[in-house]
Amino acid sequence: MWKNHNGFTLIECILSLSICLLFCLLILPAVVMLAVQADQAEEQSRMYEVAYEQVKLIRSSEPVQADFYKDGREYGIELSASKLCVQNKENIQVCIYQ
């Protein structure tokens, strides 16, 4: 006689859970890495924005070093004759060369 299966067996349940766990283990690090890269890109974009704002504000032939606050974050600005550099607290630096 044929048996009527009305649900999962223990082996089927364990296999399906292990497959789900394997997918989670493979996908979770990739998602975290994408989030970190997005944060870094956002910070770099913010630093370029600060640099371009300072180019508009500071017109000097002498070297200038100053601190600038934007969105609650502190940036160091260094302007010389050939470049403008913006540096954040994590020592990430973005330079614009003339």
Protein backbone atom coordinates (compact mmCIF):
# COMPACT_ATOMS: atom_id res chain seq x y z
CA MET A 1 0.00 0.00 0.00
CA TRP A 2 1.01 3.57 -0.59
CA LYS A 3 1.63 5.81 2.37
CA ASN A 4 0.00 9.20 2.49
CA HIS A 5 2.56 11.86 3.53
CA ASN A 6 0.94 14.78 5.30
CA GLY A 7 4.01 16.85 6.16
CA PHE A 8 7.75 17.06 6.34
CA THR A 9 9.94 14.37 7.77
CA LEU A 10 12.75 15.27 10.12
CA ILE A 11 15.37 14.77 7.40
CA GLU A 12 13.54 17.08 5.00
CA CYS A 13 13.28 19.72 7.70
CA ILE A 14 16.98 19.50 8.55
CA LEU A 15 17.96 19.69 4.87
CA SER A 16 15.80 22.71 4.18
CA LEU A 17 17.12 24.52 7.28
CA SER A 18 20.71 23.75 6.33
CA ILE A 19 20.14 25.12 2.80
CA CYS A 20 18.63 28.31 4.26
CA LEU A 21 21.54 28.64 6.67
CA LEU A 22 24.04 28.19 3.85
CA PHE A 23 22.38 30.95 1.81
CA CYS A 24 22.40 33.25 4.84
CA LEU A 25 26.08 32.58 5.47
CA LEU A 26 26.92 33.42 1.88
CA ILE A 27 24.69 36.46 1.46
CA LEU A 28 25.13 38.21 4.84
CA PRO A 29 28.85 39.10 4.43
CA ALA A 30 28.15 40.48 0.94
CA VAL A 31 25.34 42.69 2.26
CA VAL A 32 27.52 43.99 5.10
CA MET A 33 30.36 44.72 2.68
CA LEU A 34 27.98 46.64 0.39
CA ALA A 35 26.74 48.70 3.34
CA VAL A 36 30.32 49.59 4.35
CA GLN A 37 31.20 50.56 0.77
CA ALA A 38 28.08 52.73 0.59
CA ASP A 39 29.09 54.53 3.80
CA GLN A 40 32.60 55.12 2.45
CA ALA A 41 31.26 56.45 -0.85
CA GLU A 42 28.88 58.76 1.02
CA GLU A 43 31.72 60.11 3.17
CA GLN A 44 33.94 60.66 0.12
CA SER A 45 31.10 62.45 -1.65
CA ARG A 46 30.57 64.67 1.40
CA MET A 47 34.28 65.51 1.44
CA TYR A 48 34.21 66.50 -2.25
CA GLU A 49 31.18 68.66 -1.50
CA VAL A 50 33.09 70.40 1.31
CA ALA A 51 36.07 70.89 -1.01
CA TYR A 52 33.99 72.52 -3.73
CA GLU A 53 32.26 74.75 -1.19
CA GLN A 54 35.64 75.90 0.07
CA VAL A 55 36.90 76.60 -3.45
CA LYS A 56 34.01 79.03 -3.82
CA LEU A 57 34.64 80.67 -0.42
CA ILE A 58 38.43 80.82 -0.15
CA ARG A 59 40.24 82.76 -2.85
CA SER A 60 43.76 83.27 -1.61
CA SER A 61 47.25 83.00 -3.01
CA GLU A 62 48.63 82.10 0.41
CA PRO A 63 48.40 78.57 1.86
CA VAL A 64 45.39 78.15 4.16
CA GLN A 65 44.73 75.51 6.83
CA ALA A 66 41.38 75.51 8.55
CA ASP A 67 38.80 73.30 10.21
CA PHE A 68 35.30 73.05 8.80
CA TYR A 69 32.18 71.53 10.34
CA LYS A 70 29.42 70.08 8.20
CA ASP A 71 26.57 67.79 9.23
CA GLY A 72 28.11 67.40 12.70
CA ARG A 73 31.43 66.20 11.34
CA GLU A 74 34.80 67.92 11.42
CA TYR A 75 36.99 68.26 8.34
CA GLY A 76 40.48 69.67 8.01
CA ILE A 77 41.03 71.82 4.95
CA GLU A 78 44.42 72.59 3.41
CA LEU A 79 44.57 74.98 0.48
CA SER A 80 47.80 75.66 -1.36
CA ALA A 81 48.57 77.19 -4.76
CA SER A 82 48.15 73.91 -6.63
CA LYS A 83 45.69 71.81 -4.62
CA LEU A 84 42.84 71.76 -2.13
CA CYS A 85 42.75 68.80 0.27
CA VAL A 86 39.97 67.83 2.68
CA GLN A 87 40.68 65.32 5.44
CA ASN A 88 38.27 63.79 7.95
CA LYS A 89 38.93 62.38 11.43
CA GLU A 90 39.62 58.88 10.05
CA ASN A 91 42.51 60.42 8.02
CA ILE A 92 40.77 59.80 4.70
CA GLN A 93 41.91 62.53 2.36
CA VAL A 94 40.44 63.87 -0.87
CA CYS A 95 42.45 66.31 -3.00
CA ILE A 96 41.47 68.50 -5.92
CA TYR A 97 44.37 69.62 -8.09
CA GLN A 98 44.35 72.78 -10.18
